[in-house]
Protein backbone atom coordinates (compact mmCIF):
# COMPACT_ATOMS: atom_id res chain seq x y z
CA UNK A 1 79.02 83.54 117.89
CA UNK A 2 76.49 85.30 115.65
CA UNK A 3 76.90 89.04 115.29
CA UNK A 4 74.08 91.07 113.79
CA UNK A 5 74.73 93.00 110.60
CA UNK A 6 73.85 96.62 109.97
CA UNK A 7 71.16 97.98 107.71
CA UNK A 8 71.83 98.85 104.07
CA UNK A 9 72.18 102.53 105.03
CA UNK A 10 74.91 101.81 107.59
CA UNK A 11 76.92 99.14 105.82
CA UNK A 12 80.64 99.70 105.77
CA UNK A 13 82.76 102.36 107.31
CA UNK A 14 85.44 100.12 108.80
CA UNK A 15 88.12 98.50 106.66
CA UNK A 16 90.21 95.61 107.95
CA UNK A 17 93.76 95.43 106.61
CA UNK A 18 95.73 92.18 106.44
CA UNK A 19 99.34 91.17 105.85
CA UNK A 20 98.57 88.68 103.09
CA UNK A 21 95.91 87.67 100.60
CA UNK A 22 95.55 84.40 102.50
CA UNK A 23 94.74 86.27 105.73
CA UNK A 24 92.30 88.62 103.97
CA UNK A 25 90.34 85.73 102.45
CA UNK A 26 90.45 83.71 105.67
CA UNK A 27 89.21 86.79 107.54
CA UNK A 28 86.35 87.20 105.09
CA UNK A 29 85.34 83.55 105.60
CA UNK A 30 85.40 83.87 109.41
CA UNK A 31 83.32 87.06 109.29
CA UNK A 32 80.72 85.54 106.96
CA UNK A 33 80.54 82.34 109.02
CA UNK A 34 79.96 84.56 112.08
CA UNK A 35 76.87 86.00 110.41
CA UNK A 36 78.23 89.45 109.62
CA UNK A 37 78.19 91.44 106.39
CA UNK A 38 81.53 92.10 104.73
CA UNK A 39 82.91 92.94 101.30
CA UNK A 40 86.35 92.47 99.74
CA UNK A 41 87.72 95.88 98.69
CA UNK A 42 91.06 97.35 97.62
CA UNK A 43 93.37 98.52 100.38
CA UNK A 44 92.63 102.24 100.86
CA UNK A 45 95.23 104.67 99.50
CA UNK A 46 97.56 106.06 102.12
CA UNK A 47 97.67 102.90 104.22
CA UNK A 48 100.86 100.90 104.79
CA UNK A 49 102.35 99.64 101.53
CA UNK A 50 103.58 96.48 103.27
CA UNK A 51 100.01 95.25 103.75
CA UNK A 52 98.00 93.12 101.33
CA UNK A 53 96.30 94.92 98.43
CA UNK A 54 93.01 93.31 99.43
CA UNK A 55 91.05 94.47 102.46
CA UNK A 56 87.70 93.59 104.02
CA UNK A 57 85.09 96.28 104.66
CA UNK A 58 82.66 95.66 107.51
CA UNK A 59 79.97 97.54 109.40
CA UNK A 60 81.60 99.85 111.93
CA UNK A 61 78.86 98.88 114.40
CA UNK A 62 80.01 95.26 114.27
CA UNK A 63 83.63 96.09 115.16
CA UNK A 64 83.68 94.48 118.62
CA UNK A 65 82.10 91.21 117.47
CA UNK A 66 84.22 90.95 114.34
CA UNK A 67 87.39 91.73 116.28
CA UNK A 68 86.57 88.84 118.60
CA UNK A 69 85.87 86.48 115.70
CA UNK A 70 89.20 87.27 114.01
CA UNK A 71 91.20 87.14 117.24
CA UNK A 72 89.67 83.76 118.12
CA UNK A 73 90.66 82.52 114.65
CA UNK A 74 94.23 83.79 115.13
CA UNK A 75 94.07 86.17 112.15
CA UNK A 76 96.14 89.35 112.51
CA UNK A 77 94.66 92.57 111.13
CA UNK A 78 94.68 96.34 111.43
CA UNK A 79 91.68 98.65 111.22
CA UNK A 80 91.13 101.71 109.05
CA UNK A 81 88.08 103.91 109.30
CA UNK A 82 86.68 105.33 106.07
CA UNK A 83 86.67 108.76 107.70
CA UNK A 84 90.46 108.46 107.63
CA UNK A 85 91.02 107.80 111.32
CA UNK A 86 93.27 104.82 111.93
CA UNK A 87 91.75 102.46 114.46
CA UNK A 88 94.87 100.43 115.16
């Protein structure tokens, strides 16, 4: 499945949170292989301390496609919107 990426002006906005560094890096690989833009970032302040310190930021417009990619790969994650609204 190839999912189109957003333009430079719309990149980001949705942060994916993972339970381990392994899951975060595996998630990044799946997203990139699926043809989407993503970036490794620090876990946003105020999110669950029990989650990995690494997170993956993606285009909010690609949420549905990326969710499918990660679910098909069996990678558990939570979402966090940069506007502060939890998407989980």
